[in-house]
Amino acid sequence: MAHQFESGFFVAKAAWHGLGTVLNKPPTTSEAIVQAGLNWRVMEEPIYRLTEEQEVLHKNLIRDSDRHILGTVKYDYVPLQNQDAFRWFDPLIEKGGVELEAAGSLQQGKRVWVLAKIVSTEAAILPGDWVRPYLLLHNSHDGSSAVWIQFTPIRVVCWNTLSGAAAHRFGDLWKKKAICIPHTIDLQAQLAKVQDLVNLTKREFHFSVEEYQAMANQELNSELFATYTGAVLGIPSPRMHPDWNQLLANFENGIGNQGKTLWDAYNAITQWLDRQRGTSDAERLESTWFGANAQLRVKAHQVALDMVRNAHKTRVYDVLKVRRCEATCC
């Protein structure tokens, strides 16, 4: 199976996909790497070209615990060992700024991630509907991606990864909201330079909260929900979509939703992506962070923001129209 959750942990409560081990309290990095099933190393085995000088062009990356081949990369590729990825969080944990919340392995170790919660920082979008900021480090062991460190907010009511951090990574990099570190010889030195990310994460969280609150203040009925859904899915008649009834049910009665606002609509789409679209929880998890669902999540967010902006422009136009009318009448 191409999409595979291999191992992982989550603190206090299970995530939306229900996979992995649930821990009672945040672990240390040494505990976390064991609980995540990531206490193995990447070995490098050169692949020689048979010439007189036996030139090395590529090498295999192999998991030492079971000799599983993770990928084939160029000779100058430098892997980030799981142990070093976890250790990167130690100074932040020691300062009391973060707590490890989750970590795990996808695709038999080809993709790994570590998620840390920024402590004592959260915001209510609506009464009882909270979001919290997190730092996400994700890495590949098959040569498919660099090391990424990004901000992502979590909707607490359903442990829903709102921003789709991995899908946003290139846009966030351009906006200096994400860090991308290639697998080169100075990988460790580059990692050491980006320790002070907590303040950046808090600042970006503030902007995200403003966006979500704007969605929550934008009223929406079932007709406008159909318009929104059609724009997200790129189809003119969303009611003809095989999952339309599920999407509408998510909007009206989904987790934390009441069928009244654009915030409900946005979370109806993300609930569908996280919990209902696809054939298995393992497939949905991989797709939500790195696949087709991740791209749809980004689009759902962007379409919602566009609707907020358009509504704001309309309100401003209406106010100006009334003022013009009053001025003319006088």
C-alpha atoms as a PDB file:
ATOM      1  CA  MET A   1       0.000   0.000   0.000  1.00  0.00           C
ATOM      2  CA  ALA A   2       1.491   3.340  -1.076  1.00  0.00           C
ATOM      3  CA  HIS A   3      -0.088   5.371   1.741  1.00  0.00           C
ATOM      4  CA  GLN A   4       0.910   3.909   5.075  1.00  0.00           C
ATOM      5  CA  PHE A   5       0.959   5.066   8.661  1.00  0.00           C
ATOM      6  CA  GLU A   6       3.702   2.952  10.193  1.00  0.00           C
ATOM      7  CA  SER A   7       4.050   4.173  13.779  1.00  0.00           C
ATOM      8  CA  GLY A   8       3.531   7.218  15.969  1.00  0.00           C
ATOM      9  CA  PHE A   9       2.232   8.751  19.185  1.00  0.00           C
ATOM     10  CA  PHE A  10      -0.148  11.531  20.230  1.00  0.00           C
ATOM     11  CA  VAL A  11      -0.417  13.187  23.644  1.00  0.00           C
ATOM     12  CA  ALA A  12      -3.578  13.163  25.818  1.00  0.00           C
ATOM     13  CA  LYS A  13      -6.073  12.256  23.087  1.00  0.00           C
ATOM     14  CA  ALA A  14      -6.080  10.445  19.780  1.00  0.00           C
ATOM     15  CA  ALA A  15      -5.855  12.500  16.617  1.00  0.00           C
ATOM     16  CA  TRP A  16      -8.697  12.552  14.102  1.00  0.00           C
ATOM     17  CA  HIS A  17      -7.350   9.472  12.303  1.00  0.00           C
ATOM     18  CA  GLY A  18      -7.275   7.347  15.471  1.00  0.00           C
ATOM     19  CA  LEU A  19      -3.860   5.897  14.621  1.00  0.00           C
ATOM     20  CA  GLY A  20      -0.809   5.537  16.860  1.00  0.00           C
ATOM     21  CA  THR A  21      -0.264   5.343  20.616  1.00  0.00           C
ATOM     22  CA  VAL A  22      -1.846   7.850  23.022  1.00  0.00           C
ATOM     23  CA  LEU A  23       0.460   9.099  25.813  1.00  0.00           C
ATOM     24  CA  ASN A  24      -0.707  10.591  29.109  1.00  0.00           C
ATOM     25  CA  LYS A  25       1.782  13.469  29.123  1.00  0.00           C
ATOM     26  CA  PRO A  26       4.317  15.155  26.817  1.00  0.00           C
ATOM     27  CA  PRO A  27       7.454  13.002  26.496  1.00  0.00           C
ATOM     28  CA  THR A  28      11.092  13.999  26.493  1.00  0.00           C
ATOM     29  CA  THR A  29      12.833  13.728  23.145  1.00  0.00           C
ATOM     30  CA  SER A  30      14.526  10.467  24.209  1.00  0.00           C
ATOM     31  CA  GLU A  31      11.133   9.021  25.180  1.00  0.00           C
ATOM     32  CA  ALA A  32       9.423  10.425  22.113  1.00  0.00           C
ATOM     33  CA  ILE A  33      11.702   8.798  19.571  1.00  0.00           C
ATOM     34  CA  VAL A  34      10.945   5.378  21.074  1.00  0.00           C
ATOM     35  CA  GLN A  35       7.192   5.968  21.340  1.00  0.00           C
ATOM     36  CA  ALA A  36       7.124   7.174  17.728  1.00  0.00           C
ATOM     37  CA  GLY A  37       8.906   4.015  16.526  1.00  0.00           C
ATOM     38  CA  LEU A  38      11.700   6.161  15.111  1.00  0.00           C
ATOM     39  CA  ASN A  39      14.622   4.856  17.193  1.00  0.00           C
ATOM     40  CA  TRP A  40      16.509   3.627  14.155  1.00  0.00           C
ATOM     41  CA  ARG A  41      19.268   5.093  12.001  1.00  0.00           C
ATOM     42  CA  VAL A  42      19.696   5.651   8.294  1.00  0.00           C
ATOM     43  CA  MET A  43      22.704   3.815   6.860  1.00  0.00           C
ATOM     44  CA  GLU A  44      24.378   4.876   3.639  1.00  0.00           C
ATOM     45  CA  GLU A  45      25.611   2.264   1.179  1.00  0.00           C
ATOM     46  CA  PRO A  46      27.424   3.545  -1.940  1.00  0.00           C
ATOM     47  CA  ILE A  47      26.509   2.411  -5.428  1.00  0.00           C
ATOM     48  CA  TYR A  48      29.639   2.191  -7.602  1.00  0.00           C
ATOM     49  CA  ARG A  49      29.858   2.564 -11.351  1.00  0.00           C
ATOM     50  CA  LEU A  50      32.123  -0.145 -12.701  1.00  0.00           C
ATOM     51  CA  THR A  51      34.985   1.844 -14.189  1.00  0.00           C
ATOM     52  CA  GLU A  52      38.706   1.728 -13.586  1.00  0.00           C
ATOM     53  CA  GLU A  53      38.307   4.235 -10.736  1.00  0.00           C
ATOM     54  CA  GLN A  54      34.987   2.794  -9.425  1.00  0.00           C
ATOM     55  CA  GLU A  55      33.251   6.182  -9.352  1.00  0.00           C
ATOM     56  CA  VAL A  56      30.520   6.699  -6.733  1.00  0.00           C
ATOM     57  CA  LEU A  57      27.460   8.431  -8.207  1.00  0.00           C
ATOM     58  CA  HIS A  58      24.646   7.371  -5.884  1.00  0.00           C
ATOM     59  CA  LYS A  59      23.971   5.597  -2.618  1.00  0.00           C
ATOM     60  CA  ASN A  60      21.143   3.664  -1.024  1.00  0.00           C
ATOM     61  CA  LEU A  61      19.608   4.873   2.224  1.00  0.00           C
ATOM     62  CA  ILE A  62      18.796   1.847   4.382  1.00  0.00           C
ATOM     63  CA  ARG A  63      17.043   1.551   7.729  1.00  0.00           C
ATOM     64  CA  ASP A  64      19.398  -0.249  10.099  1.00  0.00           C
ATOM     65  CA  SER A  65      16.630  -1.994  12.082  1.00  0.00           C
ATOM     66  CA  ASP A  66      15.357  -4.151   9.219  1.00  0.00           C
ATOM     67  CA  ARG A  67      17.563  -3.361   6.181  1.00  0.00           C
ATOM     68  CA  HIS A  68      14.573  -1.754   4.456  1.00  0.00           C
ATOM     69  CA  ILE A  69      15.696   0.425   1.523  1.00  0.00           C
ATOM     70  CA  LEU A  70      14.249   3.890   2.029  1.00  0.00           C
ATOM     71  CA  GLY A  71      15.513   5.435  -1.199  1.00  0.00           C
ATOM     72  CA  THR A  72      18.372   6.021  -3.621  1.00  0.00           C
ATOM     73  CA  VAL A  73      20.032   9.450  -3.612  1.00  0.00           C
ATOM     74  CA  LYS A  74      23.070  11.238  -5.041  1.00  0.00           C
ATOM     75  CA  TYR A  75      26.425  10.666  -3.384  1.00  0.00           C
ATOM     76  CA  ASP A  76      26.523  14.117  -1.720  1.00  0.00           C
ATOM     77  CA  TYR A  77      23.122  13.740  -0.009  1.00  0.00           C
ATOM     78  CA  VAL A  78      23.328  14.045   3.813  1.00  0.00           C
ATOM     79  CA  PRO A  79      20.529  12.343   5.776  1.00  0.00           C
ATOM     80  CA  LEU A  80      19.045  13.922   8.892  1.00  0.00           C
ATOM     81  CA  GLN A  81      18.981  11.159  11.482  1.00  0.00           C
ATOM     82  CA  ASN A  82      15.763  10.861  13.479  1.00  0.00           C
ATOM     83  CA  GLN A  83      17.700  11.342  16.704  1.00  0.00           C
ATOM     84  CA  ASP A  84      19.047  14.684  15.473  1.00  0.00           C
ATOM     85  CA  ALA A  85      15.575  15.806  14.366  1.00  0.00           C
ATOM     86  CA  PHE A  86      14.222  15.193  17.873  1.00  0.00           C
ATOM     87  CA  ARG A  87      17.241  16.790  19.540  1.00  0.00           C
ATOM     88  CA  TRP A  88      16.551  19.994  17.622  1.00  0.00           C
ATOM     89  CA  PHE A  89      13.570  20.536  19.939  1.00  0.00           C
ATOM     90  CA  ASP A  90      15.582  20.116  23.178  1.00  0.00           C
ATOM     91  CA  PRO A  91      16.576  23.804  23.629  1.00  0.00           C
ATOM     92  CA  LEU A  92      12.987  24.901  22.992  1.00  0.00           C
ATOM     93  CA  ILE A  93      11.678  22.363  25.511  1.00  0.00           C
ATOM     94  CA  GLU A  94      14.284  23.378  28.103  1.00  0.00           C
ATOM     95  CA  LYS A  95      13.184  27.021  27.792  1.00  0.00           C
ATOM     96  CA  GLY A  96       9.610  25.952  28.496  1.00  0.00           C
ATOM     97  CA  GLY A  97       8.402  27.230  25.150  1.00  0.00           C
ATOM     98  CA  VAL A  98       7.165  24.001  23.592  1.00  0.00           C
ATOM     99  CA  GLU A  99       5.971  20.483  24.417  1.00  0.00           C
ATOM    100  CA  LEU A 100       6.136  17.511  22.077  1.00  0.00           C
ATOM    101  CA  GLU A 101       2.618  16.616  20.978  1.00  0.00           C
ATOM    102  CA  ALA A 102       3.025  13.980  18.255  1.00  0.00           C
ATOM    103  CA  ALA A 103       5.539  12.237  16.015  1.00  0.00           C
ATOM    104  CA  GLY A 104       5.574   9.344  13.633  1.00  0.00           C
ATOM    105  CA  SER A 105       6.543   7.533  10.483  1.00  0.00           C
ATOM    106  CA  LEU A 106       4.760   7.243   7.142  1.00  0.00           C
ATOM    107  CA  GLN A 107       5.460   4.974   4.173  1.00  0.00           C
ATOM    108  CA  GLN A 108       7.731   2.573   6.065  1.00  0.00           C
ATOM    109  CA  GLY A 109      10.032   5.324   7.259  1.00  0.00           C
ATOM    110  CA  LYS A 110      10.262   7.320   4.054  1.00  0.00           C
ATOM    111  CA  ARG A 111       8.545  10.274   5.719  1.00  0.00           C
ATOM    112  CA  VAL A 112       8.825  11.265   9.382  1.00  0.00           C
ATOM    113  CA  TRP A 113       7.411  14.181  11.367  1.00  0.00           C
ATOM    114  CA  VAL A 114       7.610  15.762  14.818  1.00  0.00           C
ATOM    115  CA  LEU A 115       4.897  18.112  16.078  1.00  0.00           C
ATOM    116  CA  ALA A 116       5.434  20.418  19.088  1.00  0.00           C
ATOM    117  CA  LYS A 117       2.798  22.561  20.804  1.00  0.00           C
ATOM    118  CA  ILE A 118       3.595  26.182  21.696  1.00  0.00           C
ATOM    119  CA  VAL A 119       2.583  26.279  25.364  1.00  0.00           C
ATOM    120  CA  SER A 120       0.243  28.837  26.969  1.00  0.00           C
ATOM    121  CA  THR A 121      -0.857  30.200  23.610  1.00  0.00           C
ATOM    122  CA  GLU A 122      -4.337  29.583  22.258  1.00  0.00           C
ATOM    123  CA  ALA A 123      -7.331  31.539  21.023  1.00  0.00           C
ATOM    124  CA  ALA A 124     -11.095  31.049  20.777  1.00  0.00           C
ATOM    125  CA  ILE A 125     -12.548  31.547  17.308  1.00  0.00           C
ATOM    126  CA  LEU A 126     -16.007  31.175  18.837  1.00  0.00           C
ATOM    127  CA  PRO A 127     -16.992  30.332  22.432  1.00  0.00           C
ATOM    128  CA  GLY A 128     -15.663  26.840  23.091  1.00  0.00           C
ATOM    129  CA  ASP A 129     -13.994  26.548  19.676  1.00  0.00           C
ATOM    130  CA  TRP A 130     -10.247  26.882  20.326  1.00  0.00           C
ATOM    131  CA  VAL A 131      -7.162  26.755  18.129  1.00  0.00           C
ATOM    132  CA  ARG A 132      -3.539  26.358  19.251  1.00  0.00           C
ATOM    133  CA  PRO A 133      -0.209  26.975  17.497  1.00  0.00           C
ATOM    134  CA  TYR A 134       2.318  24.248  16.737  1.00  0.00           C
ATOM    135  CA  LEU A 135       5.724  23.776  15.129  1.00  0.00           C
ATOM    136  CA  LEU A 136       5.927  20.945  12.614  1.00  0.00           C
ATOM    137  CA  LEU A 137       9.239  19.437  11.509  1.00  0.00           C
ATOM    138  CA  HIS A 138       8.884  17.010   8.612  1.00  0.00           C
ATOM    139  CA  ASN A 139      11.592  15.195   6.732  1.00  0.00           C
ATOM    140  CA  SER A 140      12.013  12.510   4.095  1.00  0.00           C
ATOM    141  CA  HIS A 141      14.454   9.607   4.036  1.00  0.00           C
ATOM    142  CA  ASP A 142      13.988   8.801   0.354  1.00  0.00           C
ATOM    143  CA  GLY A 143      15.379  12.003  -1.178  1.00  0.00           C
ATOM    144  CA  SER A 144      11.927  13.363  -2.073  1.00  0.00           C
ATOM    145  CA  SER A 145      12.073  16.508   0.066  1.00  0.00           C
ATOM    146  CA  ALA A 146      14.270  18.730   2.195  1.00  0.00           C
ATOM    147  CA  VAL A 147      13.897  19.237   5.940  1.00  0.00           C
ATOM    148  CA  TRP A 148      10.974  21.583   6.603  1.00  0.00           C
ATOM    149  CA  ILE A 149      10.083  23.425   9.814  1.00  0.00           C
ATOM    150  CA  GLN A 150       6.730  25.212   9.746  1.00  0.00           C
ATOM    151  CA  PHE A 151       3.925  26.725  11.763  1.00  0.00           C
ATOM    152  CA  THR A 152       0.511  25.035  11.835  1.00  0.00           C
ATOM    153  CA  PRO A 153      -2.609  25.769  13.918  1.00  0.00           C
ATOM    154  CA  ILE A 154      -4.744  22.943  15.330  1.00  0.00           C
ATOM    155  CA  ARG A 155      -8.482  23.151  15.936  1.00  0.00           C
ATOM    156  CA  VAL A 156      -8.725  21.592  19.394  1.00  0.00           C
ATOM    157  CA  VAL A 157     -12.339  20.474  19.195  1.00  0.00           C
ATOM    158  CA  CYS A 158     -11.489  17.829  16.615  1.00  0.00           C
ATOM    159  CA  TRP A 159      -7.663  17.793  16.485  1.00  0.00           C
ATOM    160  CA  ASN A 160      -7.931  19.141  12.959  1.00  0.00           C
ATOM    161  CA  THR A 161      -4.762  20.388  11.228  1.00  0.00           C
ATOM    162  CA  LEU A 162      -6.234  23.550   9.783  1.00  0.00           C
ATOM    163  CA  SER A 163      -3.504  25.047   7.663  1.00  0.00           C
ATOM    164  CA  GLY A 164      -2.221  21.934   5.945  1.00  0.00           C
ATOM    165  CA  ALA A 165       1.299  23.056   6.764  1.00  0.00           C
ATOM    166  CA  ALA A 166       3.109  20.717   4.402  1.00  0.00           C
ATOM    167  CA  ALA A 167       0.952  21.791   1.472  1.00  0.00           C
ATOM    168  CA  HIS A 168       1.604  25.479   2.235  1.00  0.00           C
ATOM    169  CA  ARG A 169       5.360  25.012   2.495  1.00  0.00           C
ATOM    170  CA  PHE A 170       6.554  26.713  -0.706  1.00  0.00           C
ATOM    171  CA  GLY A 171       4.277  29.729  -0.310  1.00  0.00           C
ATOM    172  CA  ASP A 172       5.215  29.956   3.365  1.00  0.00           C
ATOM    173  CA  LEU A 173       8.901  29.812   2.453  1.00  0.00           C
ATOM    174  CA  TRP A 174       8.488  32.806   0.133  1.00  0.00           C
ATOM    175  CA  LYS A 175       6.669  34.656   2.949  1.00  0.00           C
ATOM    176  CA  LYS A 176       9.459  33.672   5.397  1.00  0.00           C
ATOM    177  CA  LYS A 177       6.950  31.680   7.463  1.00  0.00           C
ATOM    178  CA  ALA A 178       8.758  28.377   6.910  1.00  0.00           C
ATOM    179  CA  ILE A 179      12.328  27.068   6.973  1.00  0.00           C
ATOM    180  CA  CYS A 180      13.641  24.750   4.267  1.00  0.00           C
ATOM    181  CA  ILE A 181      17.004  23.042   4.795  1.00  0.00           C
ATOM    182  CA  PRO A 182      18.490  20.930   1.986  1.00  0.00           C
ATOM    183  CA  HIS A 183      20.240  17.647   2.747  1.00  0.00           C
ATOM    184  CA  THR A 184      23.735  19.048   2.253  1.00  0.00           C
ATOM    185  CA  ILE A 185      26.996  18.932   4.153  1.00  0.00           C
ATOM    186  CA  ASP A 186      26.073  21.918   6.396  1.00  0.00           C
ATOM    187  CA  LEU A 187      22.642  20.533   7.352  1.00  0.00           C
ATOM    188  CA  GLN A 188      23.381  20.508  11.099  1.00  0.00           C
ATOM    189  CA  ALA A 189      24.779  24.036  11.022  1.00  0.00           C
ATOM    190  CA  GLN A 190      21.666  25.284   9.231  1.00  0.00           C
ATOM    191  CA  LEU A 191      19.419  23.586  11.790  1.00  0.00           C
ATOM    192  CA  ALA A 192      21.297  25.281  14.629  1.00  0.00           C
ATOM    193  CA  LYS A 193      20.609  28.703  13.100  1.00  0.00           C
ATOM    194  CA  VAL A 194      16.820  28.393  13.193  1.00  0.00           C
ATOM    195  CA  GLN A 195      16.221  27.741  16.888  1.00  0.00           C
ATOM    196  CA  ASP A 196      14.377  30.993  17.561  1.00  0.00           C
ATOM    197  CA  LEU A 197      11.082  30.121  15.886  1.00  0.00           C
ATOM    198  CA  VAL A 198       8.668  30.384  18.790  1.00  0.00           C
ATOM    199  CA  ASN A 199       8.166  34.139  18.390  1.00  0.00           C
ATOM    200  CA  LEU A 200       7.645  33.705  14.642  1.00  0.00           C
ATOM    201  CA  THR A 201       5.085  31.001  15.296  1.00  0.00           C
ATOM    202  CA  LYS A 202       3.178  33.162  17.779  1.00  0.00           C
ATOM    203  CA  ARG A 203       3.092  36.034  15.302  1.00  0.00           C
ATOM    204  CA  GLU A 204       1.791  33.868  12.480  1.00  0.00           C
ATOM    205  CA  PHE A 205      -0.754  32.321  14.840  1.00  0.00           C
ATOM    206  CA  HIS A 206      -2.131  35.792  15.528  1.00  0.00           C
ATOM    207  CA  PHE A 207      -2.674  36.350  11.792  1.00  0.00           C
ATOM    208  CA  SER A 208      -4.341  32.937  11.419  1.00  0.00           C
ATOM    209  CA  VAL A 209      -6.727  33.644  14.297  1.00  0.00           C
ATOM    210  CA  GLU A 210      -7.785  36.887  12.611  1.00  0.00           C
ATOM    211  CA  GLU A 211      -8.522  34.956   9.413  1.00  0.00           C
ATOM    212  CA  TYR A 212     -10.551  32.286  11.209  1.00  0.00           C
ATOM    213  CA  GLN A 213     -12.510  34.888  13.193  1.00  0.00           C
ATOM    214  CA  ALA A 214     -13.321  36.697   9.956  1.00  0.00           C
ATOM    215  CA  MET A 215     -14.693  33.398   8.603  1.00  0.00           C
ATOM    216  CA  ALA A 216     -16.727  32.914  11.793  1.00  0.00           C
ATOM    217  CA  ASN A 217     -18.231  36.393  11.350  1.00  0.00           C
ATOM    218  CA  GLN A 218     -19.249  35.699   7.748  1.00  0.00           C
ATOM    219  CA  GLU A 219     -22.796  34.320   7.665  1.00  0.00           C
ATOM    220  CA  LEU A 220     -23.467  31.500   5.233  1.00  0.00           C
ATOM    221  CA  ASN A 221     -26.557  29.473   4.297  1.00  0.00           C
ATOM    222  CA  SER A 222     -26.834  26.167   2.444  1.00  0.00           C
ATOM    223  CA  GLU A 223     -27.032  27.916  -0.937  1.00  0.00           C
ATOM    224  CA  LEU A 224     -23.804  29.810  -0.335  1.00  0.00           C
ATOM    225  CA  PHE A 225     -22.248  26.635   1.072  1.00  0.00           C
ATOM    226  CA  ALA A 226     -22.920  24.995  -2.297  1.00  0.00           C
ATOM    227  CA  THR A 227     -21.219  27.937  -4.012  1.00  0.00           C
ATOM    228  CA  TYR A 228     -18.232  27.654  -1.684  1.00  0.00           C
ATOM    229  CA  THR A 229     -17.967  23.870  -2.110  1.00  0.00           C
ATOM    230  CA  GLY A 230     -18.181  24.128  -5.885  1.00  0.00           C
ATOM    231  CA  ALA A 231     -15.350  26.673  -5.930  1.00  0.00           C
ATOM    232  CA  VAL A 232     -13.176  24.458  -3.705  1.00  0.00           C
ATOM    233  CA  LEU A 233     -13.806  21.273  -5.701  1.00  0.00           C
ATOM    234  CA  GLY A 234     -13.707  23.064  -9.052  1.00  0.00           C
ATOM    235  CA  ILE A 235     -17.100  21.803 -10.174  1.00  0.00           C
ATOM    236  CA  PRO A 236     -20.185  23.803 -11.275  1.00  0.00           C
ATOM    237  CA  SER A 237     -22.762  21.533  -9.587  1.00  0.00           C
ATOM    238  CA  PRO A 238     -21.476  20.388  -6.168  1.00  0.00           C
ATOM    239  CA  ARG A 239     -24.863  18.832  -5.353  1.00  0.00           C
ATOM    240  CA  MET A 240     -24.065  16.210  -7.987  1.00  0.00           C
ATOM    241  CA  HIS A 241     -20.873  15.215  -6.171  1.00  0.00           C
ATOM    242  CA  PRO A 242     -21.191  11.714  -4.638  1.00  0.00           C
ATOM    243  CA  ASP A 243     -20.208  13.069  -1.206  1.00  0.00           C
ATOM    244  CA  TRP A 244     -22.495  16.120  -1.273  1.00  0.00           C
ATOM    245  CA  ASN A 245     -24.828  14.806   1.435  1.00  0.00           C
ATOM    246  CA  GLN A 246     -21.860  14.138   3.696  1.00  0.00           C
ATOM    247  CA  LEU A 247     -20.412  17.579   3.058  1.00  0.00           C
ATOM    248  CA  LEU A 248     -23.748  19.246   3.802  1.00  0.00           C
ATOM    249  CA  ALA A 249     -24.119  17.177   6.983  1.00  0.00           C
ATOM    250  CA  ASN A 250     -20.628  18.288   8.042  1.00  0.00           C
ATOM    251  CA  PHE A 251     -21.612  21.918   7.471  1.00  0.00           C
ATOM    252  CA  GLU A 252     -24.835  21.672   9.469  1.00  0.00           C
ATOM    253  CA  ASN A 253     -23.910  19.180  12.188  1.00  0.00           C
ATOM    254  CA  GLY A 254     -20.206  18.403  11.889  1.00  0.00           C
ATOM    255  CA  ILE A 255     -17.770  18.537  14.785  1.00  0.00           C
ATOM    256  CA  GLY A 256     -18.082  22.027  16.257  1.00  0.00           C
ATOM    257  CA  ASN A 257     -20.240  23.216  13.333  1.00  0.00           C
ATOM    258  CA  GLN A 258     -23.736  24.717  13.238  1.00  0.00           C
ATOM    259  CA  GLY A 259     -24.334  25.390   9.549  1.00  0.00           C
ATOM    260  CA  LYS A 260     -24.352  29.175   9.943  1.00  0.00           C
ATOM    261  CA  THR A 261     -20.986  30.622   8.942  1.00  0.00           C
ATOM    262  CA  LEU A 262     -18.079  30.397   6.552  1.00  0.00           C
ATOM    263  CA  TRP A 263     -16.074  28.945   9.468  1.00  0.00           C
ATOM    264  CA  ASP A 264     -18.564  26.057   9.555  1.00  0.00           C
ATOM    265  CA  ALA A 265     -18.211  25.647   5.802  1.00  0.00           C
ATOM    266  CA  TYR A 266     -14.416  25.623   5.913  1.00  0.00           C
ATOM    267  CA  ASN A 267     -14.360  23.034   8.674  1.00  0.00           C
ATOM    268  CA  ALA A 268     -16.969  20.951   6.859  1.00  0.00           C
ATOM    269  CA  ILE A 269     -14.499  20.574   3.999  1.00  0.00           C
ATOM    270  CA  THR A 270     -11.525  19.821   6.265  1.00  0.00           C
ATOM    271  CA  GLN A 271     -13.553  17.282   8.254  1.00  0.00           C
ATOM    272  CA  TRP A 272     -14.412  15.538   4.996  1.00  0.00           C
ATOM    273  CA  LEU A 273     -10.765  15.538   3.918  1.00  0.00           C
ATOM    274  CA  ASP A 274      -9.508  14.306   7.294  1.00  0.00           C
ATOM    275  CA  ARG A 275     -12.136  11.744   8.193  1.00  0.00           C
ATOM    276  CA  GLN A 276     -14.232  10.741   5.211  1.00  0.00           C
ATOM    277  CA  ARG A 277     -12.512  11.132   1.843  1.00  0.00           C
ATOM    278  CA  GLY A 278     -10.445   8.122   0.761  1.00  0.00           C
ATOM    279  CA  THR A 279     -10.488   4.461   1.678  1.00  0.00           C
ATOM    280  CA  SER A 280      -8.611   4.282   4.991  1.00  0.00           C
ATOM    281  CA  ASP A 281      -7.331   6.364   7.904  1.00  0.00           C
ATOM    282  CA  ALA A 282      -3.730   5.667   6.896  1.00  0.00           C
ATOM    283  CA  GLU A 283      -4.334   6.883   3.350  1.00  0.00           C
ATOM    284  CA  ARG A 284      -6.154   9.993   4.571  1.00  0.00           C
ATOM    285  CA  LEU A 285      -3.327  10.909   6.938  1.00  0.00           C
ATOM    286  CA  GLU A 286      -0.652  10.779   4.256  1.00  0.00           C
ATOM    287  CA  SER A 287      -2.875  12.573   1.743  1.00  0.00           C
ATOM    288  CA  THR A 288      -3.884  15.239   4.273  1.00  0.00           C
ATOM    289  CA  TRP A 289      -0.281  16.310   4.840  1.00  0.00           C
ATOM    290  CA  PHE A 290       1.453  15.508   1.564  1.00  0.00           C
ATOM    291  CA  GLY A 291      -1.039  14.457  -1.114  1.00  0.00           C
ATOM    292  CA  ALA A 292      -4.217  15.490  -2.933  1.00  0.00           C
ATOM    293  CA  ASN A 293      -6.124  16.283   0.267  1.00  0.00           C
ATOM    294  CA  ALA A 294      -3.411  18.736   1.258  1.00  0.00           C
ATOM    295  CA  GLN A 295      -3.885  20.663  -1.970  1.00  0.00           C
ATOM    296  CA  LEU A 296      -7.661  20.775  -1.505  1.00  0.00           C
ATOM    297  CA  ARG A 297      -7.176  22.029   2.055  1.00  0.00           C
ATOM    298  CA  VAL A 298      -5.076  24.937   0.776  1.00  0.00           C
ATOM    299  CA  LYS A 299      -7.731  25.742  -1.797  1.00  0.00           C
ATOM    300  CA  ALA A 300     -10.511  25.581   0.828  1.00  0.00           C
ATOM    301  CA  HIS A 301      -8.596  28.093   2.923  1.00  0.00           C
ATOM    302  CA  GLN A 302      -7.929  30.418  -0.003  1.00  0.00           C
ATOM    303  CA  VAL A 303     -11.508  30.326  -1.331  1.00  0.00           C
ATOM    304  CA  ALA A 304     -12.801  31.132   2.162  1.00  0.00           C
ATOM    305  CA  LEU A 305     -10.476  34.135   2.455  1.00  0.00           C
ATOM    306  CA  ASP A 306     -11.532  35.330  -1.005  1.00  0.00           C
ATOM    307  CA  MET A 307     -15.182  35.168   0.084  1.00  0.00           C
ATOM    308  CA  VAL A 308     -14.376  37.195   3.197  1.00  0.00           C
ATOM    309  CA  ARG A 309     -12.579  39.837   1.131  1.00  0.00           C
ATOM    310  CA  ASN A 310     -15.376  40.019  -1.439  1.00  0.00           C
ATOM    311  CA  ALA A 311     -17.998  40.349   1.276  1.00  0.00           C
ATOM    312  CA  HIS A 312     -15.969  43.118   2.896  1.00  0.00           C
ATOM    313  CA  LYS A 313     -15.717  44.978  -0.410  1.00  0.00           C
ATOM    314  CA  THR A 314     -19.490  44.627  -0.893  1.00  0.00           C
ATOM    315  CA  ARG A 315     -20.180  45.998   2.583  1.00  0.00           C
ATOM    316  CA  VAL A 316     -17.881  48.950   1.948  1.00  0.00           C
ATOM    317  CA  TYR A 317     -19.624  49.569  -1.401  1.00  0.00           C
ATOM    318  CA  ASP A 318     -23.065  49.450   0.245  1.00  0.00           C
ATOM    319  CA  VAL A 319     -21.997  51.939   2.902  1.00  0.00           C
ATOM    320  CA  LEU A 320     -20.623  54.306   0.257  1.00  0.00           C
ATOM    321  CA  LYS A 321     -23.802  53.890  -1.781  1.00  0.00           C
ATOM    322  CA  VAL A 322     -25.970  54.856   1.211  1.00  0.00           C
ATOM    323  CA  ARG A 323     -23.756  57.849   1.945  1.00  0.00           C
ATOM    324  CA  ARG A 324     -23.968  58.976  -1.694  1.00  0.00           C
ATOM    325  CA  CYS A 325     -27.732  58.616  -1.595  1.00  0.00           C
ATOM    326  CA  GLU A 326     -27.958  60.615   1.639  1.00  0.00           C
ATOM    327  CA  ALA A 327     -25.760  63.321   0.189  1.00  0.00           C
ATOM    328  CA  THR A 328     -27.877  63.500  -2.988  1.00  0.00           C
ATOM    329  CA  CYS A 329     -31.154  63.574  -1.097  1.00  0.00           C
ATOM    330  CA  CYS A 330     -29.903  66.399   1.091  1.00  0.00           C
END
